[in-house]
Amino acid sequence: PELPDHRVRFSVIFCPESIVWNRIGLKYPTRFINEVFAIKEYQS
């Protein structure tokens, strides 16, 4: 979902990704596997 007039003062514009993953999950299953595809790093 997009909100063209949405503004923030102190943080960032952010939409939780789970909105879409949950909506997809109500219609489609996914195959999950225990294999590493990528390396994660969080920035400060």
PDB file of all heavy atoms in Angstrom:
ATOM      1  N   PRO A   1       0.842  -1.204   0.000  1.00  0.00           N
ATOM      2  CA  PRO A   1       0.000   0.000   0.000  1.00  0.00           C
ATOM      3  C   PRO A   1       0.872   1.247   0.000  1.00  0.00           C
ATOM      4  O   PRO A   1       1.930   1.273   0.636  1.00  0.00           O
ATOM      5  CB  PRO A   1      -0.792  -0.129   1.308  1.00  0.00           C
ATOM      6  CG  PRO A   1       0.035  -1.010   2.192  1.00  0.00           C
ATOM      7  CD  PRO A   1       0.742  -1.960   1.264  1.00  0.00           C
ATOM      8  N   GLU A   2       0.437   2.256  -0.717  1.00  0.00           N
ATOM      9  CA  GLU A   2       1.170   3.519  -0.762  1.00  0.00           C
ATOM     10  C   GLU A   2       0.246   4.649  -0.333  1.00  0.00           C
ATOM     11  O   GLU A   2      -0.940   4.658  -0.669  1.00  0.00           O
ATOM     12  CB  GLU A   2       1.716   3.776  -2.162  1.00  0.00           C
ATOM     13  CG  GLU A   2       2.756   2.752  -2.601  1.00  0.00           C
ATOM     14  CD  GLU A   2       3.513   3.160  -3.851  1.00  0.00           C
ATOM     15  OE1 GLU A   2       3.574   4.380  -4.133  1.00  0.00           O
ATOM     16  OE2 GLU A   2       4.050   2.268  -4.546  1.00  0.00           O
ATOM     17  N   LEU A   3       0.814   5.583   0.425  1.00  0.00           N
ATOM     18  CA  LEU A   3       0.079   6.753   0.907  1.00  0.00           C
ATOM     19  C   LEU A   3       0.807   7.992   0.397  1.00  0.00           C
ATOM     20  O   LEU A   3       1.738   8.484   1.048  1.00  0.00           O
ATOM     21  CB  LEU A   3       0.020   6.757   2.443  1.00  0.00           C
ATOM     22  CG  LEU A   3      -0.561   5.504   3.106  1.00  0.00           C
ATOM     23  CD1 LEU A   3      -0.375   5.570   4.624  1.00  0.00           C
ATOM     24  CD2 LEU A   3      -2.032   5.353   2.760  1.00  0.00           C
ATOM     25  N   PRO A   4       0.415   8.513  -0.764  1.00  0.00           N
ATOM     26  CA  PRO A   4       1.178   9.607  -1.402  1.00  0.00           C
ATOM     27  C   PRO A   4       1.369  10.838  -0.532  1.00  0.00           C
ATOM     28  O   PRO A   4       2.380  11.534  -0.655  1.00  0.00           O
ATOM     29  CB  PRO A   4       0.334   9.928  -2.646  1.00  0.00           C
ATOM     30  CG  PRO A   4      -0.437   8.681  -2.921  1.00  0.00           C
ATOM     31  CD  PRO A   4      -0.723   8.072  -1.577  1.00  0.00           C
ATOM     32  N   ASP A   5       0.422  11.135   0.340  1.00  0.00           N
ATOM     33  CA  ASP A   5       0.523  12.352   1.163  1.00  0.00           C
ATOM     34  C   ASP A   5       1.135  12.095   2.534  1.00  0.00           C
ATOM     35  O   ASP A   5       1.179  12.996   3.373  1.00  0.00           O
ATOM     36  CB  ASP A   5      -0.873  12.973   1.337  1.00  0.00           C
ATOM     37  CG  ASP A   5      -1.477  13.400   0.004  1.00  0.00           C
ATOM     38  OD1 ASP A   5      -0.701  13.816  -0.878  1.00  0.00           O
ATOM     39  OD2 ASP A   5      -2.709  13.298  -0.155  1.00  0.00           O
ATOM     40  N   HIS A   6       1.607  10.877   2.769  1.00  0.00           N
ATOM     41  CA  HIS A   6       2.132  10.518   4.087  1.00  0.00           C
ATOM     42  C   HIS A   6       3.495  11.188   4.330  1.00  0.00           C
ATOM     43  O   HIS A   6       4.375  11.135   3.474  1.00  0.00           O
ATOM     44  CB  HIS A   6       2.270   9.003   4.182  1.00  0.00           C
ATOM     45  CG  HIS A   6       2.834   8.522   5.489  1.00  0.00           C
ATOM     46  ND1 HIS A   6       2.272   8.852   6.700  1.00  0.00           N
ATOM     47  CD2 HIS A   6       3.903   7.724   5.765  1.00  0.00           C
ATOM     48  CE1 HIS A   6       2.972   8.275   7.668  1.00  0.00           C
ATOM     49  NE2 HIS A   6       3.959   7.594   7.131  1.00  0.00           N
ATOM     50  N   ARG A   7       3.647  11.801   5.492  1.00  0.00           N
ATOM     51  CA  ARG A   7       4.898  12.453   5.861  1.00  0.00           C
ATOM     52  C   ARG A   7       5.266  12.085   7.297  1.00  0.00           C
ATOM     53  O   ARG A   7       4.398  11.784   8.114  1.00  0.00           O
ATOM     54  CB  ARG A   7       4.776  13.983   5.752  1.00  0.00           C
ATOM     55  CG  ARG A   7       4.474  14.491   4.342  1.00  0.00           C
ATOM     56  CD  ARG A   7       5.667  14.331   3.417  1.00  0.00           C
ATOM     57  NE  ARG A   7       5.377  14.851   2.089  1.00  0.00           N
ATOM     58  CZ  ARG A   7       4.855  14.151   1.098  1.00  0.00           C
ATOM     59  NH1 ARG A   7       4.530  12.866   1.298  1.00  0.00           N
ATOM     60  NH2 ARG A   7       4.637  14.695  -0.081  1.00  0.00           N
ATOM     61  N   VAL A   8       6.574  12.120   7.594  1.00  0.00           N
ATOM     62  CA  VAL A   8       7.048  11.901   8.959  1.00  0.00           C
ATOM     63  C   VAL A   8       7.952  13.065   9.342  1.00  0.00           C
ATOM     64  O   VAL A   8       8.512  13.748   8.474  1.00  0.00           O
ATOM     65  CB  VAL A   8       7.808  10.562   9.091  1.00  0.00           C
ATOM     66  CG1 VAL A   8       6.887   9.385   8.809  1.00  0.00           C
ATOM     67  CG2 VAL A   8       9.019  10.519   8.169  1.00  0.00           C
ATOM     68  N   ARG A   9       8.099  13.283  10.639  1.00  0.00           N
ATOM     69  CA  ARG A   9       8.931  14.403  11.122  1.00  0.00           C
ATOM     70  C   ARG A   9      10.284  13.940  11.637  1.00  0.00           C
ATOM     71  O   ARG A   9      11.292  14.613  11.425  1.00  0.00           O
ATOM     72  CB  ARG A   9       8.204  15.147  12.242  1.00  0.00           C
ATOM     73  CG  ARG A   9       6.933  15.871  11.812  1.00  0.00           C
ATOM     74  CD  ARG A   9       6.276  16.546  13.013  1.00  0.00           C
ATOM     75  NE  ARG A   9       7.133  17.596  13.583  1.00  0.00           N
ATOM     76  CZ  ARG A   9       6.924  18.161  14.762  1.00  0.00           C
ATOM     77  NH1 ARG A   9       5.895  17.770  15.520  1.00  0.00           N
ATOM     78  NH2 ARG A   9       7.725  19.111  15.208  1.00  0.00           N
ATOM     79  N   PHE A  10      10.323  12.804  12.329  1.00  0.00           N
ATOM     80  CA  PHE A  10      11.530  12.451  13.067  1.00  0.00           C
ATOM     81  C   PHE A  10      12.146  11.113  12.663  1.00  0.00           C
ATOM     82  O   PHE A  10      13.249  10.794  13.105  1.00  0.00           O
ATOM     83  CB  PHE A  10      11.221  12.408  14.570  1.00  0.00           C
ATOM     84  CG  PHE A  10      10.541  13.635  15.086  1.00  0.00           C
ATOM     85  CD1 PHE A  10       9.262  13.577  15.627  1.00  0.00           C
ATOM     86  CD2 PHE A  10      11.167  14.868  15.012  1.00  0.00           C
ATOM     87  CE1 PHE A  10       8.620  14.712  16.090  1.00  0.00           C
ATOM     88  CE2 PHE A  10      10.542  16.017  15.478  1.00  0.00           C
ATOM     89  CZ  PHE A  10       9.264  15.947  16.016  1.00  0.00           C
ATOM     90  N   SER A  11      11.464  10.327  11.857  1.00  0.00           N
ATOM     91  CA  SER A  11      12.010   9.014  11.512  1.00  0.00           C
ATOM     92  C   SER A  11      12.027   8.841  10.000  1.00  0.00           C
ATOM     93  O   SER A  11      12.524   9.710   9.291  1.00  0.00           O
ATOM     94  CB  SER A  11      11.196   7.904  12.194  1.00  0.00           C
ATOM     95  OG  SER A  11       9.830   7.920  11.778  1.00  0.00           O
ATOM     96  N   VAL A  12      11.523   7.728   9.498  1.00  0.00           N
ATOM     97  CA  VAL A  12      11.495   7.450   8.065  1.00  0.00           C
ATOM     98  C   VAL A  12      10.116   6.909   7.697  1.00  0.00           C
ATOM     99  O   VAL A  12       9.420   6.333   8.534  1.00  0.00           O
ATOM    100  CB  VAL A  12      12.573   6.422   7.654  1.00  0.00           C
ATOM    101  CG1 VAL A  12      13.964   6.984   7.835  1.00  0.00           C
ATOM    102  CG2 VAL A  12      12.404   5.117   8.435  1.00  0.00           C
ATOM    103  N   ILE A  13       9.739   7.090   6.433  1.00  0.00           N
ATOM    104  CA  ILE A  13       8.498   6.487   5.952  1.00  0.00           C
ATOM    105  C   ILE A  13       8.713   4.983   5.881  1.00  0.00           C
ATOM    106  O   ILE A  13       9.659   4.507   5.253  1.00  0.00           O
ATOM    107  CB  ILE A  13       8.123   7.047   4.571  1.00  0.00           C
ATOM    108  CG1 ILE A  13       7.884   8.557   4.656  1.00  0.00           C
ATOM    109  CG2 ILE A  13       6.888   6.340   4.023  1.00  0.00           C
ATOM    110  CD1 ILE A  13       7.692   9.230   3.301  1.00  0.00           C
ATOM    111  N   PHE A  14       7.826   4.251   6.541  1.00  0.00           N
ATOM    112  CA  PHE A  14       8.043   2.801   6.644  1.00  0.00           C
ATOM    113  C   PHE A  14       6.717   2.053   6.659  1.00  0.00           C
ATOM    114  O   PHE A  14       5.815   2.373   7.422  1.00  0.00           O
ATOM    115  CB  PHE A  14       8.821   2.461   7.917  1.00  0.00           C
ATOM    116  CG  PHE A  14       9.105   0.989   8.077  1.00  0.00           C
ATOM    117  CD1 PHE A  14      10.055   0.369   7.285  1.00  0.00           C
ATOM    118  CD2 PHE A  14       8.407   0.232   9.008  1.00  0.00           C
ATOM    119  CE1 PHE A  14      10.308  -0.990   7.425  1.00  0.00           C
ATOM    120  CE2 PHE A  14       8.655  -1.117   9.150  1.00  0.00           C
ATOM    121  CZ  PHE A  14       9.612  -1.727   8.356  1.00  0.00           C
ATOM    122  N   CYS A  15       6.629   1.046   5.792  1.00  0.00           N
ATOM    123  CA  CYS A  15       5.481   0.149   5.752  1.00  0.00           C
ATOM    124  C   CYS A  15       5.969  -1.247   6.121  1.00  0.00           C
ATOM    125  O   CYS A  15       6.905  -1.753   5.480  1.00  0.00           O
ATOM    126  CB  CYS A  15       4.867   0.145   4.352  1.00  0.00           C
ATOM    127  SG  CYS A  15       3.531  -1.050   4.129  1.00  0.00           S
ATOM    128  N   PRO A  16       5.398  -1.893   7.142  1.00  0.00           N
ATOM    129  CA  PRO A  16       5.878  -3.232   7.520  1.00  0.00           C
ATOM    130  C   PRO A  16       5.686  -4.234   6.384  1.00  0.00           C
ATOM    131  O   PRO A  16       4.610  -4.342   5.805  1.00  0.00           O
ATOM    132  CB  PRO A  16       5.022  -3.585   8.740  1.00  0.00           C
ATOM    133  CG  PRO A  16       3.845  -2.686   8.688  1.00  0.00           C
ATOM    134  CD  PRO A  16       4.283  -1.437   7.990  1.00  0.00           C
ATOM    135  N   GLU A  17       6.754  -4.951   6.057  1.00  0.00           N
ATOM    136  CA  GLU A  17       6.705  -5.888   4.940  1.00  0.00           C
ATOM    137  C   GLU A  17       5.701  -7.010   5.169  1.00  0.00           C
ATOM    138  O   GLU A  17       5.160  -7.575   4.208  1.00  0.00           O
ATOM    139  CB  GLU A  17       8.098  -6.458   4.681  1.00  0.00           C
ATOM    140  CG  GLU A  17       9.091  -5.408   4.207  1.00  0.00           C
ATOM    141  CD  GLU A  17      10.472  -5.982   3.926  1.00  0.00           C
ATOM    142  OE1 GLU A  17      10.569  -7.183   3.651  1.00  0.00           O
ATOM    143  OE2 GLU A  17      11.447  -5.202   3.993  1.00  0.00           O
ATOM    144  N   SER A  18       5.439  -7.335   6.423  1.00  0.00           N
ATOM    145  CA  SER A  18       4.513  -8.437   6.718  1.00  0.00           C
ATOM    146  C   SER A  18       3.104  -8.172   6.210  1.00  0.00           C
ATOM    147  O   SER A  18       2.322  -9.112   6.070  1.00  0.00           O
ATOM    148  CB  SER A  18       4.479  -8.713   8.221  1.00  0.00           C
ATOM    149  OG  SER A  18       5.689  -9.296   8.639  1.00  0.00           O
ATOM    150  N   ILE A  19       2.749  -6.914   5.965  1.00  0.00           N
ATOM    151  CA  ILE A  19       1.444  -6.641   5.357  1.00  0.00           C
ATOM    152  C   ILE A  19       1.296  -7.451   4.074  1.00  0.00           C
ATOM    153  O   ILE A  19       0.297  -8.146   3.853  1.00  0.00           O
ATOM    154  CB  ILE A  19       1.268  -5.139   5.056  1.00  0.00           C
ATOM    155  CG1 ILE A  19       1.024  -4.350   6.341  1.00  0.00           C
ATOM    156  CG2 ILE A  19       0.114  -4.911   4.081  1.00  0.00           C
ATOM    157  CD1 ILE A  19       0.817  -2.865   6.110  1.00  0.00           C
ATOM    158  N   VAL A  20       2.310  -7.376   3.218  1.00  0.00           N
ATOM    159  CA  VAL A  20       2.246  -8.080   1.934  1.00  0.00           C
ATOM    160  C   VAL A  20       2.463  -9.572   2.103  1.00  0.00           C
ATOM    161  O   VAL A  20       1.747 -10.395   1.519  1.00  0.00           O
ATOM    162  CB  VAL A  20       3.268  -7.478   0.946  1.00  0.00           C
ATOM    163  CG1 VAL A  20       3.490  -8.400  -0.252  1.00  0.00           C
ATOM    164  CG2 VAL A  20       2.772  -6.122   0.465  1.00  0.00           C
ATOM    165  N   TRP A  21       3.445  -9.976   2.921  1.00  0.00           N
ATOM    166  CA  TRP A  21       3.709 -11.420   3.065  1.00  0.00           C
ATOM    167  C   TRP A  21       2.473 -12.129   3.638  1.00  0.00           C
ATOM    168  O   TRP A  21       2.152 -13.245   3.219  1.00  0.00           O
ATOM    169  CB  TRP A  21       4.911 -11.669   3.959  1.00  0.00           C
ATOM    170  CG  TRP A  21       6.160 -10.899   3.621  1.00  0.00           C
ATOM    171  CD1 TRP A  21       7.105 -10.469   4.503  1.00  0.00           C
ATOM    172  CD2 TRP A  21       6.631 -10.480   2.328  1.00  0.00           C
ATOM    173  NE1 TRP A  21       8.119  -9.804   3.854  1.00  0.00           N
ATOM    174  CE2 TRP A  21       7.855  -9.793   2.516  1.00  0.00           C
ATOM    175  CE3 TRP A  21       6.140 -10.599   1.027  1.00  0.00           C
ATOM    176  CZ2 TRP A  21       8.574  -9.247   1.457  1.00  0.00           C
ATOM    177  CZ3 TRP A  21       6.859 -10.045  -0.032  1.00  0.00           C
ATOM    178  CH2 TRP A  21       8.059  -9.387   0.179  1.00  0.00           C
ATOM    179  N   ASN A  22       1.794 -11.498   4.587  1.00  0.00           N
ATOM    180  CA  ASN A  22       0.589 -12.121   5.151  1.00  0.00           C
ATOM    181  C   ASN A  22      -0.529 -12.213   4.120  1.00  0.00           C
ATOM    182  O   ASN A  22      -1.243 -13.215   4.045  1.00  0.00           O
ATOM    183  CB  ASN A  22       0.109 -11.339   6.373  1.00  0.00           C
ATOM    184  CG  ASN A  22       1.043 -11.470   7.562  1.00  0.00           C
ATOM    185  OD1 ASN A  22       1.952 -12.303   7.562  1.00  0.00           O
ATOM    186  ND2 ASN A  22       0.841 -10.645   8.569  1.00  0.00           N
ATOM    187  N   ARG A  23      -0.706 -11.161   3.332  1.00  0.00           N
ATOM    188  CA  ARG A  23      -1.753 -11.181   2.315  1.00  0.00           C
ATOM    189  C   ARG A  23      -1.468 -12.256   1.267  1.00  0.00           C
ATOM    190  O   ARG A  23      -2.375 -12.963   0.824  1.00  0.00           O
ATOM    191  CB  ARG A  23      -1.881  -9.802   1.669  1.00  0.00           C
ATOM    192  CG  ARG A  23      -2.469  -8.749   2.607  1.00  0.00           C
ATOM    193  CD  ARG A  23      -2.469  -7.349   1.988  1.00  0.00           C
ATOM    194  NE  ARG A  23      -3.063  -6.372   2.901  1.00  0.00           N
ATOM    195  CZ  ARG A  23      -3.159  -5.065   2.645  1.00  0.00           C
ATOM    196  NH1 ARG A  23      -2.710  -4.588   1.482  1.00  0.00           N
ATOM    197  NH2 ARG A  23      -3.708  -4.246   3.528  1.00  0.00           N
ATOM    198  N   ILE A  24      -0.216 -12.371   0.880  1.00  0.00           N
ATOM    199  CA  ILE A  24       0.155 -13.431  -0.059  1.00  0.00           C
ATOM    200  C   ILE A  24      -0.097 -14.802   0.563  1.00  0.00           C
ATOM    201  O   ILE A  24      -0.617 -15.716  -0.090  1.00  0.00           O
ATOM    202  CB  ILE A  24       1.632 -13.290  -0.474  1.00  0.00           C
ATOM    203  CG1 ILE A  24       1.819 -12.055  -1.356  1.00  0.00           C
ATOM    204  CG2 ILE A  24       2.113 -14.541  -1.212  1.00  0.00           C
ATOM    205  CD1 ILE A  24       3.267 -11.748  -1.706  1.00  0.00           C
ATOM    206  N   GLY A  25       0.247 -14.945   1.852  1.00  0.00           N
ATOM    207  CA  GLY A  25       0.106 -16.222   2.533  1.00  0.00           C
ATOM    208  C   GLY A  25      -1.322 -16.716   2.632  1.00  0.00           C
ATOM    209  O   GLY A  25      -1.562 -17.925   2.743  1.00  0.00           O
ATOM    210  N   LEU A  26      -2.279 -15.802   2.604  1.00  0.00           N
ATOM    211  CA  LEU A  26      -3.678 -16.225   2.646  1.00  0.00           C
ATOM    212  C   LEU A  26      -4.108 -16.886   1.334  1.00  0.00           C
ATOM    213  O   LEU A  26      -5.137 -17.564   1.287  1.00  0.00           O
ATOM    214  CB  LEU A  26      -4.582 -15.018   2.930  1.00  0.00           C
ATOM    215  CG  LEU A  26      -4.485 -14.441   4.340  1.00  0.00           C
ATOM    216  CD1 LEU A  26      -5.257 -13.128   4.435  1.00  0.00           C
ATOM    217  CD2 LEU A  26      -5.010 -15.440   5.374  1.00  0.00           C
ATOM    218  N   LYS A  27      -3.306 -16.713   0.276  1.00  0.00           N
ATOM    219  CA  LYS A  27      -3.660 -17.302  -1.027  1.00  0.00           C
ATOM    220  C   LYS A  27      -2.655 -18.345  -1.498  1.00  0.00           C
ATOM    221  O   LYS A  27      -3.036 -19.343  -2.121  1.00  0.00           O
ATOM    222  CB  LYS A  27      -3.788 -16.199  -2.077  1.00  0.00           C
ATOM    223  CG  LYS A  27      -4.229 -16.704  -3.441  1.00  0.00           C
ATOM    224  CD  LYS A  27      -4.518 -15.568  -4.415  1.00  0.00           C
ATOM    225  CE  LYS A  27      -4.982 -16.115  -5.771  1.00  0.00           C
ATOM    226  NZ  LYS A  27      -5.277 -15.011  -6.733  1.00  0.00           N
ATOM    227  N   TYR A  28      -1.365 -18.117  -1.216  1.00  0.00           N
ATOM    228  CA  TYR A  28      -0.324 -18.986  -1.762  1.00  0.00           C
ATOM    229  C   TYR A  28       0.589 -19.514  -0.653  1.00  0.00           C
ATOM    230  O   TYR A  28       1.052 -18.743   0.188  1.00  0.00           O
ATOM    231  CB  TYR A  28       0.561 -18.215  -2.747  1.00  0.00           C
ATOM    232  CG  TYR A  28      -0.125 -17.672  -3.961  1.00  0.00           C
ATOM    233  CD1 TYR A  28      -0.433 -16.310  -4.054  1.00  0.00           C
ATOM    234  CD2 TYR A  28      -0.438 -18.497  -5.041  1.00  0.00           C
ATOM    235  CE1 TYR A  28      -1.037 -15.782  -5.193  1.00  0.00           C
ATOM    236  CE2 TYR A  28      -1.049 -17.986  -6.178  1.00  0.00           C
ATOM    237  CZ  TYR A  28      -1.346 -16.629  -6.250  1.00  0.00           C
ATOM    238  OH  TYR A  28      -1.951 -16.108  -7.370  1.00  0.00           O
ATOM    239  N   PRO A  29       0.942 -20.800  -0.679  1.00  0.00           N
ATOM    240  CA  PRO A  29       1.996 -21.313   0.209  1.00  0.00           C
ATOM    241  C   PRO A  29       3.373 -21.073  -0.401  1.00  0.00           C
ATOM    242  O   PRO A  29       3.503 -20.730  -1.584  1.00  0.00           O
ATOM    243  CB  PRO A  29       1.681 -22.814   0.285  1.00  0.00           C
ATOM    244  CG  PRO A  29       1.015 -23.125  -1.021  1.00  0.00           C
ATOM    245  CD  PRO A  29       0.267 -21.875  -1.433  1.00  0.00           C
ATOM    246  N   THR A  30       4.402 -21.260   0.412  1.00  0.00           N
ATOM    247  CA  THR A  30       5.795 -21.090   0.002  1.00  0.00           C
ATOM    248  C   THR A  30       6.576 -22.327   0.404  1.00  0.00           C
ATOM    249  O   THR A  30       6.238 -22.983   1.399  1.00  0.00           O
ATOM    250  CB  THR A  30       6.402 -19.840   0.678  1.00  0.00           C
ATOM    251  OG1 THR A  30       5.683 -18.681   0.241  1.00  0.00           O
ATOM    252  CG2 THR A  30       7.873 -19.665   0.349  1.00  0.00           C
ATOM    253  N   ARG A  31       7.603 -22.649  -0.333  1.00  0.00           N
ATOM    254  CA  ARG A  31       8.513 -23.735   0.067  1.00  0.00           C
ATOM    255  C   ARG A  31       9.691 -23.110   0.807  1.00  0.00           C
ATOM    256  O   ARG A  31      10.404 -22.249   0.274  1.00  0.00           O
ATOM    257  CB  ARG A  31       8.997 -24.521  -1.146  1.00  0.00           C
ATOM    258  CG  ARG A  31       9.990 -25.631  -0.784  1.00  0.00           C
ATOM    259  CD  ARG A  31      10.140 -26.649  -1.879  1.00  0.00           C
ATOM    260  NE  ARG A  31       8.899 -27.422  -2.033  1.00  0.00           N
ATOM    261  CZ  ARG A  31       8.804 -28.511  -2.791  1.00  0.00           C
ATOM    262  NH1 ARG A  31       9.842 -28.954  -3.447  1.00  0.00           N
ATOM    263  NH2 ARG A  31       7.652 -29.147  -2.891  1.00  0.00           N
ATOM    264  N   PHE A  32       9.897 -23.533   2.055  1.00  0.00           N
ATOM    265  CA  PHE A  32      10.988 -23.037   2.897  1.00  0.00           C
ATOM    266  C   PHE A  32      12.045 -24.127   3.033  1.00  0.00           C
ATOM    267  O   PHE A  32      11.720 -25.295   3.250  1.00  0.00           O
ATOM    268  CB  PHE A  32      10.461 -22.641   4.279  1.00  0.00           C
ATOM    269  CG  PHE A  32       9.497 -21.488   4.253  1.00  0.00           C
ATOM    270  CD1 PHE A  32       8.124 -21.708   4.189  1.00  0.00           C
ATOM    271  CD2 PHE A  32       9.954 -20.182   4.280  1.00  0.00           C
ATOM    272  CE1 PHE A  32       7.224 -20.650   4.162  1.00  0.00           C
ATOM    273  CE2 PHE A  32       9.066 -19.114   4.250  1.00  0.00           C
ATOM    274  CZ  PHE A  32       7.704 -19.349   4.195  1.00  0.00           C
ATOM    275  N   ILE A  33      13.312 -23.742   2.913  1.00  0.00           N
ATOM    276  CA  ILE A  33      14.412 -24.700   2.996  1.00  0.00           C
ATOM    277  C   ILE A  33      15.510 -24.160   3.907  1.00  0.00           C
ATOM    278  O   ILE A  33      15.716 -22.955   4.017  1.00  0.00           O
ATOM    279  CB  ILE A  33      15.001 -25.002   1.601  1.00  0.00           C
ATOM    280  CG1 ILE A  33      15.510 -23.724   0.935  1.00  0.00           C
ATOM    281  CG2 ILE A  33      13.972 -25.696   0.715  1.00  0.00           C
ATOM    282  CD1 ILE A  33      16.297 -23.979  -0.327  1.00  0.00           C
ATOM    283  N   ASN A  34      16.211 -25.093   4.557  1.00  0.00           N
ATOM    284  CA  ASN A  34      17.278 -24.719   5.490  1.00  0.00           C
ATOM    285  C   ASN A  34      18.607 -24.580   4.749  1.00  0.00           C
ATOM    286  O   ASN A  34      19.545 -25.366   4.926  1.00  0.00           O
ATOM    287  CB  ASN A  34      17.390 -25.752   6.613  1.00  0.00           C
ATOM    288  CG  ASN A  34      16.262 -25.616   7.609  1.00  0.00           C
ATOM    289  OD1 ASN A  34      15.877 -24.506   7.979  1.00  0.00           O
ATOM    290  ND2 ASN A  34      15.709 -26.731   8.048  1.00  0.00           N
ATOM    291  N   GLU A  35      18.683 -23.583   3.912  1.00  0.00           N
ATOM    292  CA  GLU A  35      19.888 -23.330   3.138  1.00  0.00           C
ATOM    293  C   GLU A  35      20.163 -21.828   3.157  1.00  0.00           C
ATOM    294  O   GLU A  35      19.256 -21.027   2.937  1.00  0.00           O
ATOM    295  CB  GLU A  35      19.694 -23.818   1.709  1.00  0.00           C
ATOM    296  CG  GLU A  35      20.959 -23.822   0.886  1.00  0.00           C
ATOM    297  CD  GLU A  35      20.796 -24.617  -0.408  1.00  0.00           C
ATOM    298  OE1 GLU A  35      19.974 -25.561  -0.453  1.00  0.00           O
ATOM    299  OE2 GLU A  35      21.484 -24.269  -1.387  1.00  0.00           O
ATOM    300  N   VAL A  36      21.394 -21.451   3.427  1.00  0.00           N
ATOM    301  CA  VAL A  36      21.761 -20.031   3.523  1.00  0.00           C
ATOM    302  C   VAL A  36      21.958 -19.452   2.125  1.00  0.00           C
ATOM    303  O   VAL A  36      22.746 -19.966   1.329  1.00  0.00           O
ATOM    304  CB  VAL A  36      23.048 -19.853   4.355  1.00  0.00           C
ATOM    305  CG1 VAL A  36      23.521 -18.398   4.301  1.00  0.00           C
ATOM    306  CG2 VAL A  36      22.812 -20.280   5.800  1.00  0.00           C
ATOM    307  N   PHE A  37      21.238 -18.359   1.849  1.00  0.00           N
ATOM    308  CA  PHE A  37      21.367 -17.668   0.577  1.00  0.00           C
ATOM    309  C   PHE A  37      22.102 -16.330   0.696  1.00  0.00           C
ATOM    310  O   PHE A  37      22.656 -15.840  -0.295  1.00  0.00           O
ATOM    311  CB  PHE A  37      19.987 -17.398  -0.033  1.00  0.00           C
ATOM    312  CG  PHE A  37      19.278 -18.627  -0.538  1.00  0.00           C
ATOM    313  CD1 PHE A  37      17.900 -18.743  -0.409  1.00  0.00           C
ATOM    314  CD2 PHE A  37      19.981 -19.661  -1.131  1.00  0.00           C
ATOM    315  CE1 PHE A  37      17.244 -19.878  -0.878  1.00  0.00           C
ATOM    316  CE2 PHE A  37      19.333 -20.801  -1.609  1.00  0.00           C
ATOM    317  CZ  PHE A  37      17.953 -20.909  -1.482  1.00  0.00           C
ATOM    318  N   ALA A  38      22.083 -15.726   1.885  1.00  0.00           N
ATOM    319  CA  ALA A  38      22.656 -14.377   1.986  1.00  0.00           C
ATOM    320  C   ALA A  38      23.141 -14.104   3.408  1.00  0.00           C
ATOM    321  O   ALA A  38      22.766 -14.798   4.365  1.00  0.00           O
ATOM    322  CB  ALA A  38      21.632 -13.328   1.571  1.00  0.00           C
ATOM    323  N   ILE A  39      23.959 -13.064   3.516  1.00  0.00           N
ATOM    324  CA  ILE A  39      24.517 -12.617   4.791  1.00  0.00           C
ATOM    325  C   ILE A  39      23.820 -11.324   5.190  1.00  0.00           C
ATOM    326  O   ILE A  39      23.657 -10.403   4.379  1.00  0.00           O
ATOM    327  CB  ILE A  39      26.033 -12.368   4.684  1.00  0.00           C
ATOM    328  CG1 ILE A  39      26.739 -13.601   4.096  1.00  0.00           C
ATOM    329  CG2 ILE A  39      26.606 -12.009   6.051  1.00  0.00           C
ATOM    330  CD1 ILE A  39      26.555 -14.873   4.902  1.00  0.00           C
ATOM    331  N   LYS A  40      23.418 -11.253   6.437  1.00  0.00           N
ATOM    332  CA  LYS A  40      22.677 -10.104   6.963  1.00  0.00           C
ATOM    333  C   LYS A  40      23.595  -9.241   7.829  1.00  0.00           C
ATOM    334  O   LYS A  40      24.398  -9.738   8.625  1.00  0.00           O
ATOM    335  CB  LYS A  40      21.489 -10.592   7.790  1.00  0.00           C
ATOM    336  CG  LYS A  40      20.770  -9.566   8.636  1.00  0.00           C
ATOM    337  CD  LYS A  40      20.126  -8.473   7.815  1.00  0.00           C
ATOM    338  CE  LYS A  40      18.977  -8.934   6.967  1.00  0.00           C
ATOM    339  NZ  LYS A  40      18.336  -7.787   6.246  1.00  0.00           N
ATOM    340  N   GLU A  41      23.434  -7.924   7.668  1.00  0.00           N
ATOM    341  CA  GLU A  41      24.136  -6.975   8.536  1.00  0.00           C
ATOM    342  C   GLU A  41      23.206  -5.801   8.792  1.00  0.00           C
ATOM    343  O   GLU A  41      22.650  -5.239   7.853  1.00  0.00           O
ATOM    344  CB  GLU A  41      25.433  -6.490   7.896  1.00  0.00           C
ATOM    345  CG  GLU A  41      26.215  -5.515   8.767  1.00  0.00           C
ATOM    346  CD  GLU A  41      27.527  -5.097   8.124  1.00  0.00           C
ATOM    347  OE1 GLU A  41      28.507  -5.841   8.276  1.00  0.00           O
ATOM    348  OE2 GLU A  41      27.551  -4.049   7.468  1.00  0.00           O
ATOM    349  N   TYR A  42      23.019  -5.437  10.059  1.00  0.00           N
ATOM    350  CA  TYR A  42      22.190  -4.288  10.399  1.00  0.00           C
ATOM    351  C   TYR A  42      23.073  -3.073  10.632  1.00  0.00           C
ATOM    352  O   TYR A  42      24.092  -3.156  11.324  1.00  0.00           O
ATOM    353  CB  TYR A  42      21.364  -4.564  11.657  1.00  0.00           C
ATOM    354  CG  TYR A  42      20.283  -5.600  11.470  1.00  0.00           C
ATOM    355  CD1 TYR A  42      20.237  -6.742  12.257  1.00  0.00           C
ATOM    356  CD2 TYR A  42      19.307  -5.434  10.497  1.00  0.00           C
ATOM    357  CE1 TYR A  42      19.240  -7.696  12.084  1.00  0.00           C
ATOM    358  CE2 TYR A  42      18.303  -6.372  10.314  1.00  0.00           C
ATOM    359  CZ  TYR A  42      18.277  -7.498  11.111  1.00  0.00           C
ATOM    360  OH  TYR A  42      17.290  -8.446  10.929  1.00  0.00           O
ATOM    361  N   GLN A  43      22.681  -1.938  10.061  1.00  0.00           N
ATOM    362  CA  GLN A  43      23.418  -0.687  10.246  1.00  0.00           C
ATOM    363  C   GLN A  43      22.890   0.050  11.478  1.00  0.00           C
ATOM    364  O   GLN A  43      21.714  -0.052  11.830  1.00  0.00           O
ATOM    365  CB  GLN A  43      23.264   0.200   9.011  1.00  0.00           C
ATOM    366  CG  GLN A  43      23.775  -0.445   7.735  1.00  0.00           C
ATOM    367  CD  GLN A  43      25.251  -0.777   7.789  1.00  0.00           C
ATOM    368  OE1 GLN A  43      26.083   0.083   8.091  1.00  0.00           O
ATOM    369  NE2 GLN A  43      25.585  -2.038   7.522  1.00  0.00           N
ATOM    370  N   SER A  44      23.769   0.826  12.098  1.00  0.00           N
ATOM    371  CA  SER A  44      23.372   1.563  13.306  1.00  0.00           C
ATOM    372  C   SER A  44      22.309   2.610  13.017  1.00  0.00           C
ATOM    373  O   SER A  44      21.574   3.025  13.910  1.00  0.00           O
ATOM    374  CB  SER A  44      24.597   2.227  13.942  1.00  0.00           C
ATOM    375  OG  SER A  44      25.187   3.137  13.029  1.00  0.00           O
TER     376      SER A  44
END
